[in-house]
Protein backbone atom coordinates (compact mmCIF):
# COMPACT_ATOMS: atom_id res chain seq x y z
CA MET A 1 37.17 -31.68 -5.11
CA LYS A 2 34.56 -28.97 -5.66
CA ASN A 3 33.86 -27.35 -8.99
CA THR A 4 34.21 -23.56 -9.15
CA ILE A 5 32.12 -20.84 -10.76
CA TYR A 6 33.47 -17.32 -11.08
CA ILE A 7 30.78 -14.66 -11.35
CA VAL A 8 32.42 -11.56 -12.78
CA GLY A 9 31.43 -8.13 -14.03
CA LEU A 10 32.45 -6.80 -17.42
CA GLY A 11 32.33 -3.25 -16.09
CA PRO A 12 30.32 -0.41 -17.59
CA GLY A 13 32.12 -0.23 -20.93
CA GLY A 14 35.05 -1.63 -22.88
CA LEU A 15 38.08 -3.57 -21.68
CA GLY A 16 39.64 -0.36 -20.37
CA GLN A 17 37.01 -0.34 -17.62
CA MET A 18 37.35 -4.01 -16.77
CA THR A 19 39.44 -4.95 -13.72
CA LEU A 20 42.70 -6.77 -14.35
CA GLU A 21 41.55 -9.66 -12.16
CA THR A 22 38.40 -10.18 -14.21
CA TYR A 23 40.34 -9.89 -17.47
CA LYS A 24 42.76 -12.62 -16.39
CA ILE A 25 39.93 -14.91 -15.29
CA ILE A 26 38.17 -14.47 -18.61
CA LYS A 27 41.31 -14.94 -20.71
CA ASN A 28 42.16 -18.18 -18.89
CA SER A 29 38.62 -19.56 -19.01
CA LYS A 30 37.68 -22.43 -21.25
CA ASN A 31 34.03 -22.39 -20.16
CA LEU A 32 32.89 -18.76 -20.45
CA TYR A 33 29.27 -17.56 -20.51
CA LEU A 34 28.07 -13.99 -21.09
CA ARG A 35 24.56 -12.95 -20.21
CA THR A 36 24.45 -10.88 -23.37
CA VAL A 37 26.69 -10.01 -26.28
CA LYS A 38 25.18 -6.51 -26.24
CA HIS A 39 28.05 -4.95 -24.31
CA PRO A 40 31.14 -3.04 -25.51
CA ALA A 41 33.54 -5.47 -23.79
CA ALA A 42 31.98 -8.49 -25.51
CA GLU A 43 32.94 -7.21 -28.95
CA GLU A 44 36.51 -6.47 -27.82
CA LEU A 45 36.89 -9.91 -26.22
CA ALA A 46 35.69 -11.58 -29.40
CA GLY A 47 38.26 -9.50 -31.29
CA GLU A 48 40.96 -10.96 -29.07
CA GLY A 49 39.85 -14.47 -29.94
CA VAL A 50 38.11 -15.20 -26.64
CA LYS A 51 35.46 -17.89 -27.10
CA PHE A 52 32.20 -17.61 -25.17
CA GLU A 53 28.53 -18.50 -25.21
CA THR A 54 25.71 -16.06 -24.53
CA PHE A 55 22.12 -16.27 -23.37
CA ASP A 56 20.68 -13.78 -25.85
CA SER A 57 18.46 -16.47 -27.38
CA PHE A 58 16.69 -16.80 -24.02
CA TYR A 59 15.24 -13.32 -24.47
CA GLU A 60 13.40 -14.55 -27.56
CA LYS A 61 12.21 -17.83 -26.05
CA CYS A 62 10.90 -16.53 -22.71
CA ASP A 63 7.80 -14.40 -22.11
CA SER A 64 9.23 -12.13 -19.42
CA PHE A 65 12.55 -10.91 -18.03
CA GLU A 66 11.88 -12.83 -14.85
CA GLU A 67 11.62 -16.06 -16.88
CA VAL A 68 14.80 -15.17 -18.78
CA TYR A 69 16.84 -14.68 -15.62
CA LYS A 70 15.48 -17.83 -14.01
CA ALA A 71 16.21 -19.87 -17.15
CA ILE A 72 19.79 -18.52 -17.24
CA ALA A 73 20.28 -19.42 -13.58
CA VAL A 74 18.94 -22.95 -14.10
CA GLU A 75 21.21 -23.50 -17.10
CA LEU A 76 24.30 -22.19 -15.30
CA SER A 77 23.51 -24.19 -12.17
CA ASN A 78 23.57 -27.37 -14.25
CA VAL A 79 26.70 -26.31 -16.14
CA CYS A 80 28.84 -25.56 -13.09
CA VAL A 81 27.78 -28.74 -11.29
CA ASN A 82 29.11 -30.74 -14.26
CA ASN A 83 32.23 -28.69 -15.08
CA HIS A 84 35.43 -28.15 -13.11
CA GLN A 85 35.48 -24.40 -13.77
CA THR A 86 32.85 -22.02 -15.16
CA VAL A 87 32.89 -18.27 -15.65
CA TYR A 88 29.69 -16.21 -15.87
CA ALA A 89 30.19 -12.59 -16.95
CA VAL A 90 27.52 -9.89 -16.74
CA PRO A 91 27.46 -6.18 -17.60
CA GLY A 92 28.67 -3.83 -14.88
CA HIS A 93 29.07 -5.25 -11.38
CA PRO A 94 27.71 -8.78 -10.74
CA CYS A 95 25.84 -7.66 -7.63
CA PHE A 96 24.41 -4.37 -8.91
CA ALA A 97 20.93 -4.71 -10.44
CA GLU A 98 21.73 -8.17 -11.81
CA LYS A 99 18.73 -10.42 -11.25
CA SER A 100 20.21 -13.48 -12.97
CA VAL A 101 23.09 -13.48 -10.48
CA GLU A 102 20.71 -13.09 -7.55
CA ILE A 103 18.69 -16.13 -8.64
CA LEU A 104 21.81 -18.15 -9.46
CA LEU A 105 23.32 -17.52 -6.02
CA GLU A 106 20.10 -18.69 -4.36
CA MET A 107 20.18 -21.90 -6.41
CA LEU A 108 23.85 -22.58 -5.71
CA ASP A 109 23.26 -22.25 -1.96
CA ASN A 110 21.83 -25.77 -2.26
CA GLU A 111 24.95 -27.02 -4.07
CA GLN A 112 27.61 -25.85 -1.60
CA ASP A 113 29.01 -29.37 -1.26
CA LYS A 114 29.60 -29.51 -5.03
CA VAL A 115 30.28 -25.96 -6.19
CA GLU A 116 32.41 -23.15 -4.81
CA VAL A 117 31.12 -19.72 -5.79
CA LYS A 118 33.50 -16.79 -6.23
CA VAL A 119 31.97 -13.38 -6.92
CA VAL A 120 34.56 -10.96 -8.31
CA SER A 121 34.09 -7.23 -7.82
CA ALA A 122 33.96 -4.83 -10.76
CA LEU A 123 33.22 -1.28 -11.77
CA SER A 124 29.46 -0.78 -12.04
CA PHE A 125 27.45 1.48 -14.29
CA LEU A 126 26.93 3.65 -11.18
CA ASP A 127 30.62 4.53 -11.15
CA SER A 128 30.39 5.79 -14.72
CA MET A 129 27.08 7.56 -14.08
CA ALA A 130 28.52 9.38 -11.04
CA ALA A 131 31.57 10.46 -13.01
CA SER A 132 29.58 11.53 -16.08
CA LEU A 133 27.00 13.48 -14.06
CA ARG A 134 29.55 14.69 -11.48
CA ILE A 135 27.41 13.66 -8.54
CA ASP A 136 28.43 12.29 -5.16
CA PRO A 137 26.19 9.45 -3.92
CA ILE A 138 27.09 10.30 -0.34
CA TYR A 139 24.34 12.96 -0.43
CA GLY A 140 21.72 10.33 -1.20
CA LEU A 141 21.07 8.30 -4.32
CA TYR A 142 18.29 5.88 -5.16
CA VAL A 143 18.67 3.31 -7.93
CA VAL A 144 15.50 1.79 -9.39
CA ASP A 145 14.61 -0.42 -12.34
CA ALA A 146 12.29 1.10 -14.94
CA LEU A 147 10.64 -2.30 -15.42
CA SER A 148 9.53 -2.60 -11.79
CA ILE A 149 9.20 1.02 -10.87
CA ASN A 150 5.60 0.78 -9.66
CA ALA A 151 6.79 -1.19 -6.65
CA LYS A 152 9.38 1.39 -5.63
CA ALA A 153 9.05 4.11 -3.03
CA PHE A 154 10.50 7.43 -4.09
CA GLU A 155 12.34 9.95 -1.97
CA THR A 156 12.43 12.99 -4.23
CA HIS A 157 14.88 14.90 -2.03
CA SER A 158 17.54 12.39 -3.14
CA GLY A 159 18.91 11.92 -6.62
CA ILE A 160 17.44 8.96 -8.52
CA ILE A 161 18.95 6.82 -11.26
CA VAL A 162 16.50 4.75 -13.28
CA THR A 163 18.04 1.83 -15.17
CA GLN A 164 16.69 -0.30 -18.04
CA VAL A 165 15.33 2.64 -20.03
CA TYR A 166 16.17 0.67 -23.15
CA ASN A 167 13.51 1.89 -25.59
CA ASN A 168 11.06 4.73 -26.12
CA PHE A 169 8.05 2.74 -24.95
CA VAL A 170 9.69 2.09 -21.56
CA ALA A 171 10.62 5.79 -21.42
CA SER A 172 7.01 6.75 -22.13
CA GLU A 173 5.62 4.50 -19.37
CA LEU A 174 8.27 5.83 -17.00
CA LYS A 175 7.43 9.43 -17.84
CA LEU A 176 3.71 8.92 -17.14
CA PHE A 177 4.42 7.22 -13.83
CA LEU A 178 6.78 9.94 -12.64
CA MET A 179 4.51 12.82 -13.68
CA ASP A 180 1.45 11.15 -12.16
CA SER A 181 2.99 10.40 -8.81
CA HIS A 182 6.07 12.41 -8.07
CA TYR A 183 7.27 15.27 -10.27
CA PRO A 184 6.02 18.24 -12.32
CA GLN A 185 6.09 17.59 -16.06
CA ASP A 186 8.66 20.32 -16.64
CA LYS A 187 11.14 18.90 -14.13
CA GLU A 188 14.66 18.97 -15.64
CA VAL A 189 16.17 15.48 -15.91
CA PHE A 190 19.11 13.84 -17.66
CA LEU A 191 19.08 10.98 -20.16
CA VAL A 192 22.52 9.36 -20.03
CA HIS A 193 23.54 7.26 -23.03
CA LYS A 194 26.66 5.06 -23.03
CA ALA A 195 27.93 6.40 -19.70
CA GLY A 196 31.71 6.41 -19.47
CA ILE A 197 32.40 4.90 -22.89
CA ILE A 198 32.96 6.08 -26.45
CA GLY A 199 29.81 7.74 -27.73
CA GLU A 200 28.68 8.95 -24.32
CA LYS A 201 25.89 11.50 -24.55
CA ILE A 202 23.99 13.33 -21.83
CA GLU A 203 20.69 14.98 -22.74
CA LYS A 204 19.21 17.59 -20.40
CA VAL A 205 15.47 17.52 -21.09
CA LYS A 206 12.12 18.20 -19.45
CA LEU A 207 10.53 15.13 -17.91
CA TYR A 208 7.69 15.13 -20.42
CA GLU A 209 10.24 14.94 -23.26
CA ILE A 210 12.21 11.84 -22.25
CA ASP A 211 10.42 9.46 -24.63
CA ARG A 212 11.18 11.73 -27.61
CA SER A 213 14.92 11.09 -27.59
CA GLU A 214 16.32 9.39 -30.68
CA ASP A 215 19.35 8.02 -28.80
CA ILE A 216 17.61 5.69 -26.36
CA ASP A 217 18.99 2.14 -26.40
CA TYR A 218 20.06 -0.63 -24.01
CA LEU A 219 22.82 1.61 -22.58
CA THR A 220 20.44 4.42 -21.56
CA SER A 221 19.61 5.44 -17.98
CA LEU A 222 17.69 8.36 -16.54
CA TYR A 223 18.98 10.62 -13.77
CA ILE A 224 16.52 12.73 -11.78
CA PRO A 225 18.18 15.43 -9.66
CA PRO A 226 16.94 15.83 -6.08
CA GLU A 227 14.09 18.22 -5.42
CA LYS A 228 15.05 21.17 -3.26
CA ALA A 229 11.74 21.02 -1.43
CA LYS A 230 10.37 17.84 0.15
CA ASN A 231 7.85 15.93 -1.92
CA PRO A 232 4.41 17.21 -0.78
CA ARG A 233 3.16 13.61 -1.17
CA SER A 234 5.79 12.35 1.27
CA MET A 235 4.75 10.83 4.58
CA GLU A 236 8.10 11.97 5.91
CA LEU A 237 7.15 15.61 5.29
CA LEU A 238 3.89 15.17 7.20
CA LEU A 239 5.76 13.67 10.15
CA GLU A 240 8.27 16.52 10.11
CA THR A 241 5.45 19.09 9.98
CA MET A 242 3.70 17.53 12.98
CA GLU A 243 6.97 17.32 14.91
CA ARG A 244 7.56 21.03 14.23
CA LEU A 245 4.02 21.94 15.35
CA ARG A 246 4.62 20.08 18.62
CA SER A 247 8.07 21.58 19.18
CA GLU A 248 8.88 24.40 21.63
CA ASP A 249 8.64 27.02 18.88
CA GLY A 250 5.58 25.34 17.34
CA CYS A 251 1.85 25.95 17.74
CA PRO A 252 0.59 26.46 21.33
CA TRP A 253 -2.71 24.68 20.60
CA ASP A 254 -0.99 21.65 19.06
CA ARG A 255 1.44 21.48 21.99
CA GLU A 256 -1.46 21.37 24.47
CA GLN A 257 -3.17 18.36 22.91
CA THR A 258 -3.22 14.95 24.60
CA PHE A 259 -4.58 11.51 23.77
CA ALA A 260 -7.77 12.41 25.60
CA SER A 261 -8.27 15.82 24.00
CA LEU A 262 -7.93 14.36 20.50
CA ARG A 263 -10.68 11.76 20.95
CA LYS A 264 -13.50 13.98 19.74
CA TYR A 265 -11.52 15.13 16.70
CA ILE A 266 -10.79 11.55 15.69
CA ILE A 267 -14.51 10.75 15.84
CA GLU A 268 -15.48 13.94 14.01
CA GLU A 269 -12.98 13.34 11.19
CA ALA A 270 -14.11 9.73 10.80
CA TYR A 271 -17.72 10.88 10.47
CA GLU A 272 -16.73 13.53 7.93
CA VAL A 273 -15.02 10.85 5.82
CA VAL A 274 -18.20 8.78 5.91
CA ASP A 275 -20.29 11.82 5.01
CA ALA A 276 -18.07 12.60 2.01
CA ILE A 277 -18.34 8.98 0.84
CA GLU A 278 -22.13 9.05 1.13
CA ARG A 279 -22.20 12.26 -0.90
CA ASP A 280 -19.87 10.62 -3.43
CA ASP A 281 -17.75 13.78 -3.37
CA ILE A 282 -14.32 12.54 -4.48
CA ASP A 283 -12.51 15.80 -3.66
CA ASP A 284 -13.99 15.83 -0.17
CA ILE A 285 -13.19 12.15 0.38
CA CYS A 286 -9.55 12.89 -0.42
CA GLU A 287 -9.49 15.95 1.85
CA GLU A 288 -11.27 14.28 4.76
CA LEU A 289 -9.04 11.21 4.58
CA GLY A 290 -6.13 13.61 4.98
CA ASP A 291 -7.76 15.12 8.08
CA LEU A 292 -8.28 11.63 9.51
CA LEU A 293 -4.69 10.66 8.70
CA LEU A 294 -3.55 13.78 10.56
CA GLN A 295 -5.18 12.44 13.72
CA VAL A 296 -3.25 9.16 13.38
CA VAL A 297 0.00 11.11 12.96
CA PHE A 298 -0.93 13.47 15.81
CA VAL A 299 -1.55 10.68 18.32
CA SER A 300 1.59 8.84 17.15
CA GLN A 301 3.70 11.97 17.64
CA ILE A 302 2.45 12.40 21.21
CA ALA A 303 3.21 8.74 21.87
CA LYS A 304 6.70 9.16 20.40
CA GLU A 305 7.41 12.12 22.67
CA GLU A 306 6.37 10.02 25.67
CA HIS A 307 8.52 7.08 24.47
CA LEU A 308 5.48 4.82 24.08
CA PHE A 309 5.49 4.07 20.33
CA ASP A 310 5.83 5.85 17.00
CA LEU A 311 4.11 5.75 13.62
CA GLY A 312 6.52 3.10 12.40
CA GLU A 313 5.27 0.73 15.11
CA VAL A 314 1.67 1.55 14.17
CA VAL A 315 2.38 0.60 10.56
CA GLU A 316 4.34 -2.50 11.62
CA SER A 317 1.41 -3.62 13.78
CA ILE A 318 -1.22 -3.30 11.06
CA ASN A 319 1.04 -4.96 8.48
CA ALA A 320 1.50 -7.96 10.78
CA LYS A 321 -2.21 -8.07 11.56
CA LEU A 322 -3.23 -8.02 7.89
CA VAL A 323 -0.91 -10.91 7.06
CA ASN A 324 -1.90 -12.93 10.14
CA ARG A 325 -5.64 -12.49 9.52
CA HIS A 326 -5.44 -13.55 5.86
CA PRO A 327 -3.92 -17.05 5.93
CA HIS A 328 -5.88 -17.82 2.74
CA VAL A 329 -3.83 -15.11 0.98
CA PHE A 330 -0.44 -15.12 2.72
CA GLY A 331 -0.47 -18.61 4.22
CA ASN A 332 -1.33 -22.17 3.27
CA GLU A 333 -5.04 -22.09 3.99
CA SER A 334 -7.32 -22.36 0.95
CA ARG A 335 -9.82 -19.64 0.13
CA GLU A 336 -12.64 -22.19 0.34
CA GLU A 337 -11.73 -23.09 3.94
CA PHE A 338 -11.56 -19.49 5.16
CA SER A 339 -14.65 -18.21 7.00
CA MET A 340 -15.77 -15.65 9.55
CA GLU A 341 -15.34 -18.32 12.23
CA VAL A 342 -11.66 -18.59 11.27
CA TRP A 343 -11.36 -14.77 11.23
CA GLU A 344 -12.82 -14.48 14.74
CA LYS A 345 -10.65 -17.35 15.98
CA ILE A 346 -7.52 -15.56 14.73
CA LYS A 347 -8.62 -12.33 16.44
CA ARG A 348 -9.18 -14.19 19.74
CA GLU A 349 -5.73 -15.77 19.50
CA GLU A 350 -4.13 -12.35 18.84
CA LYS A 351 -5.71 -10.92 22.00
CA GLY A 352 -5.23 -14.08 24.09
CA TYR A 353 -8.97 -14.62 24.53
CA GLU A 354 -10.22 -18.14 25.22
CA LYS A 355 -13.94 -17.40 25.17
CA VAL A 356 -16.23 -15.35 22.93
CA SER A 357 -17.60 -13.64 26.03
CA GLU A 358 -14.14 -12.17 26.63
CA GLN A 359 -14.35 -10.53 23.22
CA MET A 360 -17.77 -9.15 24.13
CA ASP A 361 -16.43 -7.76 27.41
CA ASN A 362 -13.79 -5.86 25.45
CA LEU A 363 -16.11 -4.26 22.90
CA PRO A 364 -15.29 -0.55 23.32
CA ASN A 365 -17.89 1.50 25.19
CA SER A 366 -16.93 4.36 22.87
CA PHE A 367 -18.57 2.54 19.94
CA PRO A 368 -21.91 3.94 18.79
CA VAL A 369 -24.42 1.96 20.86
CA TYR A 370 -26.08 0.32 17.85
CA LEU A 371 -22.68 -0.85 16.56
CA ARG A 372 -21.67 -2.32 19.93
CA ALA A 373 -24.99 -4.19 20.12
CA GLU A 374 -24.63 -5.52 16.57
CA LYS A 375 -21.05 -6.71 17.18
CA ALA A 376 -22.07 -8.55 20.36
CA GLN A 377 -24.86 -10.28 18.43
CA LYS A 378 -22.52 -11.25 15.59
CA LYS A 379 -20.01 -12.79 17.96
CA ALA A 380 -22.75 -14.81 19.65
CA SER A 381 -24.04 -15.88 16.24
CA LEU A 382 -20.71 -17.50 15.36
CA THR A 383 -21.18 -19.91 18.28
CA GLY A 384 -24.67 -20.91 17.09
CA PHE A 385 -26.52 -18.70 19.60
CA ASP A 386 -28.84 -16.99 17.12
CA TRP A 387 -32.09 -17.17 15.22
CA GLU A 388 -31.94 -18.60 11.72
CA ASP A 389 -34.47 -16.20 10.24
CA PRO A 390 -35.25 -12.49 10.84
CA THR A 391 -38.97 -13.28 11.12
CA ASP A 392 -38.20 -15.43 14.17
CA ALA A 393 -36.37 -12.50 15.74
CA LEU A 394 -39.30 -10.22 14.91
CA ALA A 395 -41.41 -12.06 17.46
CA LYS A 396 -38.93 -10.90 20.10
CA VAL A 397 -39.50 -7.29 18.96
CA ARG A 398 -43.25 -7.70 19.54
CA GLU A 399 -42.57 -9.21 22.98
CA GLU A 400 -40.28 -6.35 23.97
CA ALA A 401 -42.74 -3.76 22.63
CA GLU A 402 -45.47 -5.22 24.82
CA GLU A 403 -43.18 -5.14 27.86
CA LEU A 404 -42.31 -1.51 27.15
CA GLU A 405 -46.00 -0.67 26.79
CA LYS A 406 -46.68 -2.25 30.16
CA ALA A 407 -43.85 -0.24 31.77
CA LEU A 408 -45.21 2.97 30.25
CA LEU A 409 -48.70 2.26 31.57
CA GLU A 410 -47.24 1.61 35.02
CA ASP A 411 -45.08 4.75 34.70
CA ASP A 412 -42.13 2.73 35.99
CA LYS A 413 -39.09 4.82 34.99
CA LYS A 414 -36.54 2.11 35.70
CA LYS A 415 -38.53 -0.45 33.74
CA ILE A 416 -39.10 2.00 30.87
CA ASP A 417 -35.34 2.51 30.51
CA GLU A 418 -34.65 -1.22 30.64
CA GLU A 419 -37.42 -2.27 28.26
CA SER A 420 -36.53 0.52 25.81
CA GLY A 421 -33.02 -0.89 25.58
CA ASP A 422 -34.34 -4.43 25.13
CA LEU A 423 -36.64 -3.25 22.33
CA LEU A 424 -33.86 -1.45 20.49
CA PHE A 425 -31.54 -4.46 20.92
CA ALA A 426 -34.23 -6.74 19.47
CA VAL A 427 -34.80 -4.40 16.50
CA ILE A 428 -31.07 -4.38 15.74
CA ASN A 429 -31.12 -8.18 15.84
CA VAL A 430 -33.85 -8.31 13.20
CA LEU A 431 -32.06 -5.85 10.95
CA ARG A 432 -28.77 -7.75 11.34
CA LEU A 433 -30.38 -11.03 10.33
CA ALA A 434 -32.13 -9.30 7.42
CA LYS A 435 -28.72 -7.88 6.38
CA VAL A 436 -29.99 -4.30 6.71
CA ASP A 437 -27.50 -1.60 7.65
CA PHE A 438 -28.99 -0.10 10.81
CA ARG A 439 -27.28 3.23 10.31
CA GLU A 440 -28.27 3.61 6.67
CA SER A 441 -31.82 2.50 7.39
CA LEU A 442 -32.25 5.00 10.23
CA GLN A 443 -30.50 7.69 8.22
CA GLY A 444 -32.97 7.15 5.40
CA ALA A 445 -35.92 7.27 7.79
CA THR A 446 -34.62 10.51 9.35
CA ASP A 447 -34.14 12.12 5.93
CA LYS A 448 -37.66 11.06 4.98
CA PHE A 449 -39.04 12.54 8.22
CA ILE A 450 -37.29 15.84 7.50
CA ARG A 451 -38.64 15.98 3.93
CA ARG A 452 -42.20 15.34 5.08
CA TYR A 453 -41.92 17.75 7.99
CA LYS A 454 -40.74 20.48 5.59
CA HIS A 455 -43.83 19.78 3.45
CA VAL A 456 -46.13 20.07 6.47
CA GLU A 457 -44.36 23.27 7.54
CA ALA A 458 -44.70 24.75 4.04
CA GLN A 459 -48.43 23.97 3.87
CA VAL A 460 -49.07 25.52 7.28
CA SER A 461 -47.05 28.58 6.26
CA LYS A 462 -49.23 28.99 3.14
CA LYS A 463 -52.23 29.36 5.47
CA GLY A 464 -50.41 32.13 7.31
CA MET A 465 -50.40 30.10 10.51
CA LEU A 466 -47.90 28.61 12.93
CA MET A 467 -47.44 24.87 13.49
CA LYS A 468 -48.48 25.10 17.15
CA GLU A 469 -51.81 26.76 16.16
CA LEU A 470 -53.00 23.57 14.41
CA SER A 471 -54.14 20.36 16.06
CA LEU A 472 -52.22 17.12 15.59
CA ASP A 473 -55.05 15.77 13.39
CA GLU A 474 -54.79 18.82 11.11
CA LEU A 475 -51.02 18.47 10.90
CA ASP A 476 -51.40 14.74 10.21
CA PHE A 477 -53.54 15.59 7.19
CA TYR A 478 -50.59 17.39 5.61
CA TRP A 479 -48.27 14.57 6.72
CA LYS A 480 -50.39 12.04 4.84
CA ASP A 481 -50.40 14.38 1.86
CA ALA A 482 -46.59 14.36 1.88
CA LYS A 483 -46.64 10.59 2.09
CA GLU A 484 -48.99 10.29 -0.88
CA LYS A 485 -46.71 12.58 -2.86
CA GLY A 486 -43.84 10.15 -2.24
CA LEU A 487 -41.84 12.57 -0.11
């Protein structure tokens, strides 16, 4: 015969808010455990002569709440396996924000042949909160834990209840998080103390004041009323805005756009992000990233209208790709074993490629030419088809330069085009092996050319002459002067 564990909720307050079923189970139990004695019903039960054990000492012995809840679950798992009947009682409802129950149920899944689990429903703190605040959850209500709030996504157009605001330090951390990410500091919120029981108190305060309350304790929660306007940080608002712009009563220009027409804007916005990064202009980086994000949303909206895909599928795809391409983080592969060869192998498997040449064939022609060349070289390098040293590759540059010179002397247009490409490809190879960023290197050379040209222009202007009135030798004199000056 199986042993039985009853997992019950004490309700949000005293015995008056406990269900009759739970009360009977507790009164008849000879093996009763409470997660904590810090609950109004615990004191009343003790007054009625009910004997129980608690896990309050675990909070002192363990370093984190996660460890506390796991230790409780381990202890109870052992107890119920060795006892005919066990009762575990927790504050509120056993399945509402009760981590110890969650862990215990996972553990007992492996003991189904020995232990029967019965979870008994109860009033939760949410029932009391709704009654005290006179709110109807049907209009949207989020419940989050103050201790893990950084991992939660907020929807500010719904009401939010934050639990575990049990001291002023937690309230302070919560306040800073909310003001930094979601709400104005003068947003009106409600601190609810002892919801639904004797001593209940509701404080209407500004958000920046919540950690100044003198009544905060383990029975305190925070309620944040919904914002009338959508959160300007919300992705949902951006999607709604784009949908409106593309609607029949939207913007004519936005309605005309297609995948093809947006190509140049995507490229332009990407370049503007890069430019802002190179200028180290934080405000511009933020703004330009927004412009680039708009292009992603724009294309996704067009695709959604044509029943091809939507932004959710875009996000799903990149999430899956990130996990799949990092087996040393999300899988069983060690960091030491992970390499670029493994990375490229994973990419080939994703696309169904069997050969590296298939990857090369599919390098986008829309890439900047130097980038496409560099990527082809890198893929070949992973198969061992490469020089070991940039100086070896430099010999190929000299060879290609000689072939270009020969084509120029012969005035062979076709050969000039071909040998010019070979020379550039060889130069990129050298820079790749030397770990030089081709773009940055050429950018620097172009900037240097402009600085020196401006110096030459300024010197010629001082003479009251025009550039074309001087010979190349005379201009070169000023060029060398600029060079000597370190321009």
